[in-house]
Amino acid sequence: MRHTMVSLERKHGNRLDACIQLHAVPSSLDGKNLHYNLFLPTTLTSIDKRMPLLVILHGTNPRTKIFLSRTKAIHPAEEYGFAVVSPIARRYQFYTHESEQDMLDIIDSVVAAHPIDEKRVFLVGNSVGGWGAYYLGLKQAGKFAGIGAFTAPVDLPMLYQQLMEHEPGHYGPGNEGLKHVFKETFGATPDEQPSLFTPFTLKGLLEFATATSPRVFIGHGRKDKTVPVEWVQRMLSGLEAKGVPAKLALTWDGHGMVVFHKKCFEMLEYFGLAF
């Protein structure tokens, strides 16, 4: 019988939520504790059996235990025997700068502590976490077998302009909060110093892409006003031009977690984690 996300939700109910455990590992940069939520399948019976690892990067909300519970990714993990880890990123760094190394520290720690198949580590993310999956997955290609990006920005300067123009006041008067986030991470906004953001553009991402890059699954909503679907289609075309296997799965939703929930199982099938 072929499972679906709905059938697995019915089968497991809420009992797996208690299996999500918070852990910490010291940063290799400054020794600060890096926290992450980890789910290990209860079906794992032998430490000699190496299991795949699904790494899920969160969006602006860092409550990753809630994210794992709501997206139901742990249900297929239990059924098919793979681990799931969701790191808690340093605030507002877009998985760049220190946060980039933090993610690698956490992944390396999980791989070292558990029977993980290092050749089957998959990096996925939602919203800003999807940007992080693109950025880290393409830049650190040798560490990952696949990349999953859901409602993901593909260009940070474009995202900044989109938010400034179409969500005025969402981040405070004059969007000062948004400006602060960019200045805190990069030292300036894209308007002030465009050259700082060259590595964080669509062109910059695609420069990491080669025919040996991990395969990419893209989930996106046609009604997404934060990240227009046209941007995602440009990313798909760019990846295909570089010889990167990629698949785009669209829904009729807007920006948010719902696309991840709807298309997660399709992504897992694409990666060979569910069948």
C-alpha atoms as a PDB file:
ATOM      1  CA  MET A   1       0.000   0.000   0.000  1.00  0.00           C
ATOM      2  CA  ARG A   2       1.337   3.397  -0.986  1.00  0.00           C
ATOM      3  CA  HIS A   3       1.303   5.827   1.913  1.00  0.00           C
ATOM      4  CA  THR A   4       0.407   9.506   1.777  1.00  0.00           C
ATOM      5  CA  MET A   5       1.040  12.237   4.323  1.00  0.00           C
ATOM      6  CA  VAL A   6      -2.627  12.111   5.316  1.00  0.00           C
ATOM      7  CA  SER A   7      -2.606   8.355   5.829  1.00  0.00           C
ATOM      8  CA  LEU A   8       0.544   8.598   7.945  1.00  0.00           C
ATOM      9  CA  GLU A   9      -0.969  11.387  10.055  1.00  0.00           C
ATOM     10  CA  ARG A  10      -3.935   9.133  10.759  1.00  0.00           C
ATOM     11  CA  LYS A  11      -1.685   6.192  11.557  1.00  0.00           C
ATOM     12  CA  HIS A  12       0.678   7.969  13.984  1.00  0.00           C
ATOM     13  CA  GLY A  13      -1.530  10.718  15.401  1.00  0.00           C
ATOM     14  CA  ASN A  14       0.292  12.962  17.876  1.00  0.00           C
ATOM     15  CA  ARG A  15       2.362  10.285  19.585  1.00  0.00           C
ATOM     16  CA  LEU A  16       5.556  11.121  17.671  1.00  0.00           C
ATOM     17  CA  ASP A  17       5.662  14.740  18.906  1.00  0.00           C
ATOM     18  CA  ALA A  18       7.126  13.547  22.216  1.00  0.00           C
ATOM     19  CA  CYS A  19      10.044  12.014  20.301  1.00  0.00           C
ATOM     20  CA  ILE A  20      11.288  15.434  19.139  1.00  0.00           C
ATOM     21  CA  GLN A  21      14.153  16.297  21.480  1.00  0.00           C
ATOM     22  CA  LEU A  22      16.076  19.546  21.963  1.00  0.00           C
ATOM     23  CA  HIS A  23      19.881  19.244  21.859  1.00  0.00           C
ATOM     24  CA  ALA A  24      22.857  21.612  21.832  1.00  0.00           C
ATOM     25  CA  VAL A  25      26.398  21.583  20.488  1.00  0.00           C
ATOM     26  CA  PRO A  26      29.109  24.246  20.998  1.00  0.00           C
ATOM     27  CA  SER A  27      29.865  26.520  18.065  1.00  0.00           C
ATOM     28  CA  SER A  28      33.252  25.978  16.435  1.00  0.00           C
ATOM     29  CA  LEU A  29      33.434  29.765  16.010  1.00  0.00           C
ATOM     30  CA  ASP A  30      32.777  31.149  19.471  1.00  0.00           C
ATOM     31  CA  GLY A  31      31.772  28.255  21.730  1.00  0.00           C
ATOM     32  CA  LYS A  32      28.157  29.407  22.087  1.00  0.00           C
ATOM     33  CA  ASN A  33      25.547  26.685  22.405  1.00  0.00           C
ATOM     34  CA  LEU A  34      23.835  25.929  19.107  1.00  0.00           C
ATOM     35  CA  HIS A  35      20.409  24.407  19.644  1.00  0.00           C
ATOM     36  CA  TYR A  36      18.525  22.049  17.399  1.00  0.00           C
ATOM     37  CA  ASN A  37      15.526  19.743  17.527  1.00  0.00           C
ATOM     38  CA  LEU A  38      16.102  16.131  16.535  1.00  0.00           C
ATOM     39  CA  PHE A  39      13.752  13.294  15.676  1.00  0.00           C
ATOM     40  CA  LEU A  40      15.036   9.722  15.511  1.00  0.00           C
ATOM     41  CA  PRO A  41      12.674   7.019  14.255  1.00  0.00           C
ATOM     42  CA  THR A  42      11.625   4.540  16.915  1.00  0.00           C
ATOM     43  CA  THR A  43      11.775   1.856  14.215  1.00  0.00           C
ATOM     44  CA  LEU A  44      15.583   1.989  14.225  1.00  0.00           C
ATOM     45  CA  THR A  45      16.624  -1.328  15.775  1.00  0.00           C
ATOM     46  CA  SER A  46      20.314  -1.646  14.921  1.00  0.00           C
ATOM     47  CA  ILE A  47      23.130   0.845  15.357  1.00  0.00           C
ATOM     48  CA  ASP A  48      24.811  -0.803  12.373  1.00  0.00           C
ATOM     49  CA  LYS A  49      22.039   0.359  10.042  1.00  0.00           C
ATOM     50  CA  ARG A  50      22.867   3.749   8.590  1.00  0.00           C
ATOM     51  CA  MET A  51      19.845   5.968   8.053  1.00  0.00           C
ATOM     52  CA  PRO A  52      19.303   9.041   5.868  1.00  0.00           C
ATOM     53  CA  LEU A  53      19.103  12.484   7.470  1.00  0.00           C
ATOM     54  CA  LEU A  54      16.665  15.236   6.555  1.00  0.00           C
ATOM     55  CA  VAL A  55      17.859  18.673   7.686  1.00  0.00           C
ATOM     56  CA  ILE A  56      15.048  21.244   7.825  1.00  0.00           C
ATOM     57  CA  LEU A  57      15.902  24.956   8.043  1.00  0.00           C
ATOM     58  CA  HIS A  58      13.202  27.165   9.572  1.00  0.00           C
ATOM     59  CA  GLY A  59      11.897  30.514   8.349  1.00  0.00           C
ATOM     60  CA  THR A  60      11.629  33.641  10.481  1.00  0.00           C
ATOM     61  CA  ASN A  61       9.992  31.676  13.322  1.00  0.00           C
ATOM     62  CA  PRO A  62      12.729  29.678  15.116  1.00  0.00           C
ATOM     63  CA  ARG A  63      10.353  27.431  17.081  1.00  0.00           C
ATOM     64  CA  THR A  64      11.475  24.386  15.174  1.00  0.00           C
ATOM     65  CA  LYS A  65       9.739  21.799  17.367  1.00  0.00           C
ATOM     66  CA  ILE A  66       6.396  23.375  16.489  1.00  0.00           C
ATOM     67  CA  PHE A  67       7.456  23.539  12.840  1.00  0.00           C
ATOM     68  CA  LEU A  68       8.335  19.836  12.763  1.00  0.00           C
ATOM     69  CA  SER A  69       5.069  18.955  14.443  1.00  0.00           C
ATOM     70  CA  ARG A  70       2.888  21.072  12.159  1.00  0.00           C
ATOM     71  CA  THR A  71       4.521  20.072   8.879  1.00  0.00           C
ATOM     72  CA  LYS A  72       4.259  16.386   9.876  1.00  0.00           C
ATOM     73  CA  ALA A  73       7.689  15.575   8.411  1.00  0.00           C
ATOM     74  CA  ILE A  74       8.299  13.218  11.328  1.00  0.00           C
ATOM     75  CA  HIS A  75       5.479  10.904  10.189  1.00  0.00           C
ATOM     76  CA  PRO A  76       7.212   9.658   7.024  1.00  0.00           C
ATOM     77  CA  ALA A  77      10.511   9.719   8.963  1.00  0.00           C
ATOM     78  CA  GLU A  78       9.049   7.194  11.386  1.00  0.00           C
ATOM     79  CA  GLU A  79       7.532   5.090   8.611  1.00  0.00           C
ATOM     80  CA  TYR A  80      10.577   4.952   6.342  1.00  0.00           C
ATOM     81  CA  GLY A  81      13.356   5.143   8.914  1.00  0.00           C
ATOM     82  CA  PHE A  82      15.170   8.432   8.473  1.00  0.00           C
ATOM     83  CA  ALA A  83      16.230  11.038  11.024  1.00  0.00           C
ATOM     84  CA  VAL A  84      15.090  14.678  10.982  1.00  0.00           C
ATOM     85  CA  VAL A  85      17.021  17.590  12.468  1.00  0.00           C
ATOM     86  CA  SER A  86      15.924  21.223  12.529  1.00  0.00           C
ATOM     87  CA  PRO A  87      18.661  23.655  13.636  1.00  0.00           C
ATOM     88  CA  ILE A  88      17.783  26.912  15.364  1.00  0.00           C
ATOM     89  CA  ALA A  89      19.630  29.613  13.460  1.00  0.00           C
ATOM     90  CA  ARG A  90      21.235  32.775  14.771  1.00  0.00           C
ATOM     91  CA  ARG A  91      18.683  35.528  14.467  1.00  0.00           C
ATOM     92  CA  TYR A  92      18.235  37.204  11.071  1.00  0.00           C
ATOM     93  CA  GLN A  93      21.386  35.969   9.374  1.00  0.00           C
ATOM     94  CA  PHE A  94      19.696  34.325   6.376  1.00  0.00           C
ATOM     95  CA  TYR A  95      21.958  31.298   6.967  1.00  0.00           C
ATOM     96  CA  THR A  96      24.988  33.363   5.955  1.00  0.00           C
ATOM     97  CA  HIS A  97      27.985  34.540   8.032  1.00  0.00           C
ATOM     98  CA  GLU A  98      28.231  32.740  11.414  1.00  0.00           C
ATOM     99  CA  SER A  99      24.948  30.955  10.823  1.00  0.00           C
ATOM    100  CA  GLU A 100      26.399  29.143   7.804  1.00  0.00           C
ATOM    101  CA  GLN A 101      29.080  27.495   9.942  1.00  0.00           C
ATOM    102  CA  ASP A 102      26.556  26.885  12.732  1.00  0.00           C
ATOM    103  CA  MET A 103      24.474  24.724  10.412  1.00  0.00           C
ATOM    104  CA  LEU A 104      27.529  22.692   9.413  1.00  0.00           C
ATOM    105  CA  ASP A 105      28.509  22.280  13.081  1.00  0.00           C
ATOM    106  CA  ILE A 106      25.068  20.950  13.954  1.00  0.00           C
ATOM    107  CA  ILE A 107      24.905  18.580  10.985  1.00  0.00           C
ATOM    108  CA  ASP A 108      28.414  17.249  11.694  1.00  0.00           C
ATOM    109  CA  SER A 109      27.462  16.717  15.344  1.00  0.00           C
ATOM    110  CA  VAL A 110      24.331  14.739  14.462  1.00  0.00           C
ATOM    111  CA  VAL A 111      26.193  12.630  11.901  1.00  0.00           C
ATOM    112  CA  ALA A 112      28.947  11.867  14.424  1.00  0.00           C
ATOM    113  CA  ALA A 113      26.562  10.969  17.266  1.00  0.00           C
ATOM    114  CA  HIS A 114      24.086   8.782  15.361  1.00  0.00           C
ATOM    115  CA  PRO A 115      24.176   6.081  12.655  1.00  0.00           C
ATOM    116  CA  ILE A 116      23.685   8.478   9.751  1.00  0.00           C
ATOM    117  CA  ASP A 117      24.475   7.653   6.142  1.00  0.00           C
ATOM    118  CA  GLU A 118      26.655  10.621   5.174  1.00  0.00           C
ATOM    119  CA  LYS A 119      25.867  10.054   1.498  1.00  0.00           C
ATOM    120  CA  ARG A 120      22.162  10.553   2.143  1.00  0.00           C
ATOM    121  CA  VAL A 121      21.932  13.903   3.929  1.00  0.00           C
ATOM    122  CA  PHE A 122      19.230  16.123   2.445  1.00  0.00           C
ATOM    123  CA  LEU A 123      18.946  19.862   3.140  1.00  0.00           C
ATOM    124  CA  VAL A 124      15.525  21.506   2.922  1.00  0.00           C
ATOM    125  CA  GLY A 125      13.933  24.686   4.189  1.00  0.00           C
ATOM    126  CA  ASN A 126      10.837  26.855   4.246  1.00  0.00           C
ATOM    127  CA  SER A 127      10.754  30.573   3.329  1.00  0.00           C
ATOM    128  CA  VAL A 128      14.063  32.087   4.499  1.00  0.00           C
ATOM    129  CA  GLY A 129      15.061  28.528   5.386  1.00  0.00           C
ATOM    130  CA  GLY A 130      14.495  27.654   1.732  1.00  0.00           C
ATOM    131  CA  TRP A 131      16.935  30.398   0.797  1.00  0.00           C
ATOM    132  CA  GLY A 132      19.359  28.804   3.273  1.00  0.00           C
ATOM    133  CA  ALA A 133      18.855  25.413   1.618  1.00  0.00           C
ATOM    134  CA  TYR A 134      19.755  26.901  -1.768  1.00  0.00           C
ATOM    135  CA  TYR A 135      22.720  28.832  -0.413  1.00  0.00           C
ATOM    136  CA  LEU A 136      24.264  26.136   1.782  1.00  0.00           C
ATOM    137  CA  GLY A 137      23.231  23.224  -0.421  1.00  0.00           C
ATOM    138  CA  LEU A 138      24.791  24.634  -3.575  1.00  0.00           C
ATOM    139  CA  LYS A 139      27.823  26.148  -1.845  1.00  0.00           C
ATOM    140  CA  GLN A 140      28.547  23.035   0.248  1.00  0.00           C
ATOM    141  CA  ALA A 141      27.442  20.630  -2.460  1.00  0.00           C
ATOM    142  CA  GLY A 142      29.650  17.735  -1.368  1.00  0.00           C
ATOM    143  CA  LYS A 143      27.792  17.405   1.926  1.00  0.00           C
ATOM    144  CA  PHE A 144      24.286  16.924   0.541  1.00  0.00           C
ATOM    145  CA  ALA A 145      22.418  14.474  -1.663  1.00  0.00           C
ATOM    146  CA  GLY A 146      19.479  16.788  -2.314  1.00  0.00           C
ATOM    147  CA  ILE A 147      18.094  20.288  -1.748  1.00  0.00           C
ATOM    148  CA  GLY A 148      14.474  21.149  -1.040  1.00  0.00           C
ATOM    149  CA  ALA A 149      13.307  24.782  -1.169  1.00  0.00           C
ATOM    150  CA  PHE A 150       9.730  25.757  -0.241  1.00  0.00           C
ATOM    151  CA  THR A 151       8.325  29.274  -0.782  1.00  0.00           C
ATOM    152  CA  ALA A 152      12.001  30.244  -0.925  1.00  0.00           C
ATOM    153  CA  PRO A 153      13.512  33.593  -1.933  1.00  0.00           C
ATOM    154  CA  VAL A 154      16.136  33.212  -4.641  1.00  0.00           C
ATOM    155  CA  ASP A 155      17.691  36.682  -4.375  1.00  0.00           C
ATOM    156  CA  LEU A 156      18.015  38.711  -1.153  1.00  0.00           C
ATOM    157  CA  PRO A 157      18.160  42.184  -2.777  1.00  0.00           C
ATOM    158  CA  MET A 158      15.015  41.309  -4.760  1.00  0.00           C
ATOM    159  CA  LEU A 159      13.346  40.119  -1.562  1.00  0.00           C
ATOM    160  CA  TYR A 160      14.277  43.361   0.183  1.00  0.00           C
ATOM    161  CA  GLN A 161      12.802  45.487  -2.616  1.00  0.00           C
ATOM    162  CA  GLN A 162       9.663  43.330  -2.765  1.00  0.00           C
ATOM    163  CA  LEU A 163       9.037  43.736   0.959  1.00  0.00           C
ATOM    164  CA  MET A 164       9.794  47.461   0.904  1.00  0.00           C
ATOM    165  CA  GLU A 165       7.402  48.068  -2.006  1.00  0.00           C
ATOM    166  CA  HIS A 166       4.590  45.633  -1.311  1.00  0.00           C
ATOM    167  CA  GLU A 167       4.588  45.291   2.484  1.00  0.00           C
ATOM    168  CA  PRO A 168       5.227  48.891   3.626  1.00  0.00           C
ATOM    169  CA  GLY A 169       4.924  49.267   7.356  1.00  0.00           C
ATOM    170  CA  HIS A 170       4.894  45.509   7.998  1.00  0.00           C
ATOM    171  CA  TYR A 171       8.222  45.807   9.802  1.00  0.00           C
ATOM    172  CA  GLY A 172       7.435  49.078  11.544  1.00  0.00           C
ATOM    173  CA  PRO A 173       7.189  52.664  10.276  1.00  0.00           C
ATOM    174  CA  GLY A 174       9.120  52.943   7.029  1.00  0.00           C
ATOM    175  CA  ASN A 175       9.958  49.245   7.394  1.00  0.00           C
ATOM    176  CA  GLU A 176      12.731  50.249   9.781  1.00  0.00           C
ATOM    177  CA  GLY A 177      12.738  46.750  11.251  1.00  0.00           C
ATOM    178  CA  LEU A 178      13.520  45.247   7.855  1.00  0.00           C
ATOM    179  CA  LYS A 179      16.298  47.760   7.276  1.00  0.00           C
ATOM    180  CA  HIS A 180      17.714  46.924  10.706  1.00  0.00           C
ATOM    181  CA  VAL A 181      17.787  43.198   9.923  1.00  0.00           C
ATOM    182  CA  PHE A 182      19.812  43.743   6.757  1.00  0.00           C
ATOM    183  CA  LYS A 183      22.152  46.223   8.388  1.00  0.00           C
ATOM    184  CA  GLU A 184      22.701  43.920  11.369  1.00  0.00           C
ATOM    185  CA  THR A 185      23.682  41.015   9.122  1.00  0.00           C
ATOM    186  CA  PHE A 186      25.373  42.648   6.141  1.00  0.00           C
ATOM    187  CA  GLY A 187      26.343  46.095   7.427  1.00  0.00           C
ATOM    188  CA  ALA A 188      24.027  47.914   5.001  1.00  0.00           C
ATOM    189  CA  THR A 189      20.844  47.525   2.978  1.00  0.00           C
ATOM    190  CA  PRO A 190      20.911  46.533  -0.709  1.00  0.00           C
ATOM    191  CA  ASP A 191      20.006  50.126  -1.591  1.00  0.00           C
ATOM    192  CA  GLU A 192      22.974  51.490   0.334  1.00  0.00           C
ATOM    193  CA  GLN A 193      25.697  49.075  -0.809  1.00  0.00           C
ATOM    194  CA  PRO A 194      24.568  46.816  -3.664  1.00  0.00           C
ATOM    195  CA  SER A 195      28.031  45.278  -4.067  1.00  0.00           C
ATOM    196  CA  LEU A 196      27.799  43.649  -0.624  1.00  0.00           C
ATOM    197  CA  PHE A 197      24.964  41.482  -1.892  1.00  0.00           C
ATOM    198  CA  THR A 198      26.525  40.082  -5.058  1.00  0.00           C
ATOM    199  CA  PRO A 199      26.980  36.589  -3.525  1.00  0.00           C
ATOM    200  CA  PHE A 200      23.377  36.631  -2.290  1.00  0.00           C
ATOM    201  CA  THR A 201      21.636  37.176  -5.622  1.00  0.00           C
ATOM    202  CA  LEU A 202      20.115  34.659  -8.023  1.00  0.00           C
ATOM    203  CA  LYS A 203      23.203  34.998 -10.193  1.00  0.00           C
ATOM    204  CA  GLY A 204      25.410  34.438  -7.154  1.00  0.00           C
ATOM    205  CA  LEU A 205      23.535  31.260  -6.204  1.00  0.00           C
ATOM    206  CA  LEU A 206      23.724  29.892  -9.723  1.00  0.00           C
ATOM    207  CA  GLU A 207      27.478  30.436  -9.807  1.00  0.00           C
ATOM    208  CA  PHE A 208      27.726  27.651  -7.202  1.00  0.00           C
ATOM    209  CA  ALA A 209      25.663  25.306  -9.385  1.00  0.00           C
ATOM    210  CA  THR A 210      27.325  22.627 -11.529  1.00  0.00           C
ATOM    211  CA  ALA A 211      26.329  19.339 -13.106  1.00  0.00           C
ATOM    212  CA  THR A 212      27.539  17.618  -9.907  1.00  0.00           C
ATOM    213  CA  SER A 213      25.333  19.725  -7.598  1.00  0.00           C
ATOM    214  CA  PRO A 214      22.661  17.950  -5.532  1.00  0.00           C
ATOM    215  CA  ARG A 215      19.274  17.502  -7.166  1.00  0.00           C
ATOM    216  CA  VAL A 216      16.758  20.196  -6.227  1.00  0.00           C
ATOM    217  CA  PHE A 217      13.070  20.011  -5.355  1.00  0.00           C
ATOM    218  CA  ILE A 218      11.186  23.323  -5.374  1.00  0.00           C
ATOM    219  CA  GLY A 219       7.753  23.703  -3.779  1.00  0.00           C
ATOM    220  CA  HIS A 220       5.946  26.984  -4.297  1.00  0.00           C
ATOM    221  CA  GLY A 221       2.536  28.659  -4.204  1.00  0.00           C
ATOM    222  CA  ARG A 222       1.178  30.358  -7.293  1.00  0.00           C
ATOM    223  CA  LYS A 223      -0.400  33.047  -5.071  1.00  0.00           C
ATOM    224  CA  ASP A 224       2.799  33.843  -3.175  1.00  0.00           C
ATOM    225  CA  LYS A 225       3.079  37.650  -3.013  1.00  0.00           C
ATOM    226  CA  THR A 226       6.275  37.671  -0.950  1.00  0.00           C
ATOM    227  CA  VAL A 227       8.224  35.509  -3.387  1.00  0.00           C
ATOM    228  CA  PRO A 228       6.545  35.719  -6.809  1.00  0.00           C
ATOM    229  CA  VAL A 229       6.437  32.426  -8.670  1.00  0.00           C
ATOM    230  CA  GLU A 230       8.247  34.046 -11.608  1.00  0.00           C
ATOM    231  CA  TRP A 231      11.402  34.222  -9.468  1.00  0.00           C
ATOM    232  CA  VAL A 232      11.217  30.515  -8.788  1.00  0.00           C
ATOM    233  CA  GLN A 233      10.768  29.723 -12.461  1.00  0.00           C
ATOM    234  CA  ARG A 234      13.928  31.710 -13.178  1.00  0.00           C
ATOM    235  CA  MET A 235      15.765  29.642 -10.584  1.00  0.00           C
ATOM    236  CA  LEU A 236      14.497  26.427 -12.175  1.00  0.00           C
ATOM    237  CA  SER A 237      15.643  27.550 -15.623  1.00  0.00           C
ATOM    238  CA  GLY A 238      19.034  28.559 -14.247  1.00  0.00           C
ATOM    239  CA  LEU A 239      19.556  25.227 -12.513  1.00  0.00           C
ATOM    240  CA  GLU A 240      18.554  23.277 -15.598  1.00  0.00           C
ATOM    241  CA  ALA A 241      20.959  25.343 -17.714  1.00  0.00           C
ATOM    242  CA  LYS A 242      23.764  24.297 -15.350  1.00  0.00           C
ATOM    243  CA  GLY A 243      22.798  20.637 -15.661  1.00  0.00           C
ATOM    244  CA  VAL A 244      21.334  20.371 -12.150  1.00  0.00           C
ATOM    245  CA  PRO A 245      18.383  17.949 -11.894  1.00  0.00           C
ATOM    246  CA  ALA A 246      15.445  19.967 -10.574  1.00  0.00           C
ATOM    247  CA  LYS A 247      11.700  19.602 -10.114  1.00  0.00           C
ATOM    248  CA  LEU A 248       9.099  22.324  -9.492  1.00  0.00           C
ATOM    249  CA  ALA A 249       5.859  21.451  -7.689  1.00  0.00           C
ATOM    250  CA  LEU A 250       3.236  24.217  -7.523  1.00  0.00           C
ATOM    251  CA  THR A 251       0.149  24.679  -5.363  1.00  0.00           C
ATOM    252  CA  TRP A 252      -2.547  27.363  -5.381  1.00  0.00           C
ATOM    253  CA  ASP A 253      -1.390  28.777  -2.031  1.00  0.00           C
ATOM    254  CA  GLY A 254       0.377  31.909  -0.885  1.00  0.00           C
ATOM    255  CA  HIS A 255       3.523  32.280   1.186  1.00  0.00           C
ATOM    256  CA  GLY A 256       3.860  30.076   4.249  1.00  0.00           C
ATOM    257  CA  MET A 257       4.115  26.625   5.732  1.00  0.00           C
ATOM    258  CA  VAL A 258       1.148  25.107   3.899  1.00  0.00           C
ATOM    259  CA  VAL A 259       3.133  24.462   0.711  1.00  0.00           C
ATOM    260  CA  PHE A 260       5.702  22.487   2.686  1.00  0.00           C
ATOM    261  CA  HIS A 261       2.971  20.392   4.238  1.00  0.00           C
ATOM    262  CA  LYS A 262       1.286  19.720   0.898  1.00  0.00           C
ATOM    263  CA  LYS A 263       4.418  18.910  -1.087  1.00  0.00           C
ATOM    264  CA  CYS A 264       6.717  17.374   1.538  1.00  0.00           C
ATOM    265  CA  PHE A 265       5.775  13.801   0.647  1.00  0.00           C
ATOM    266  CA  GLU A 266       6.305  14.437  -3.069  1.00  0.00           C
ATOM    267  CA  MET A 267       9.759  15.790  -2.226  1.00  0.00           C
ATOM    268  CA  LEU A 268      10.561  12.713  -0.132  1.00  0.00           C
ATOM    269  CA  GLU A 269       9.577  10.481  -3.050  1.00  0.00           C
ATOM    270  CA  TYR A 270      11.821  12.555  -5.331  1.00  0.00           C
ATOM    271  CA  PHE A 271      14.711  12.031  -2.924  1.00  0.00           C
ATOM    272  CA  GLY A 272      13.970   8.319  -2.554  1.00  0.00           C
ATOM    273  CA  LEU A 273      13.129   8.652   1.136  1.00  0.00           C
ATOM    274  CA  ALA A 274       9.503   7.551   0.728  1.00  0.00           C
ATOM    275  CA  PHE A 275       7.833   5.194  -1.707  1.00  0.00           C
END
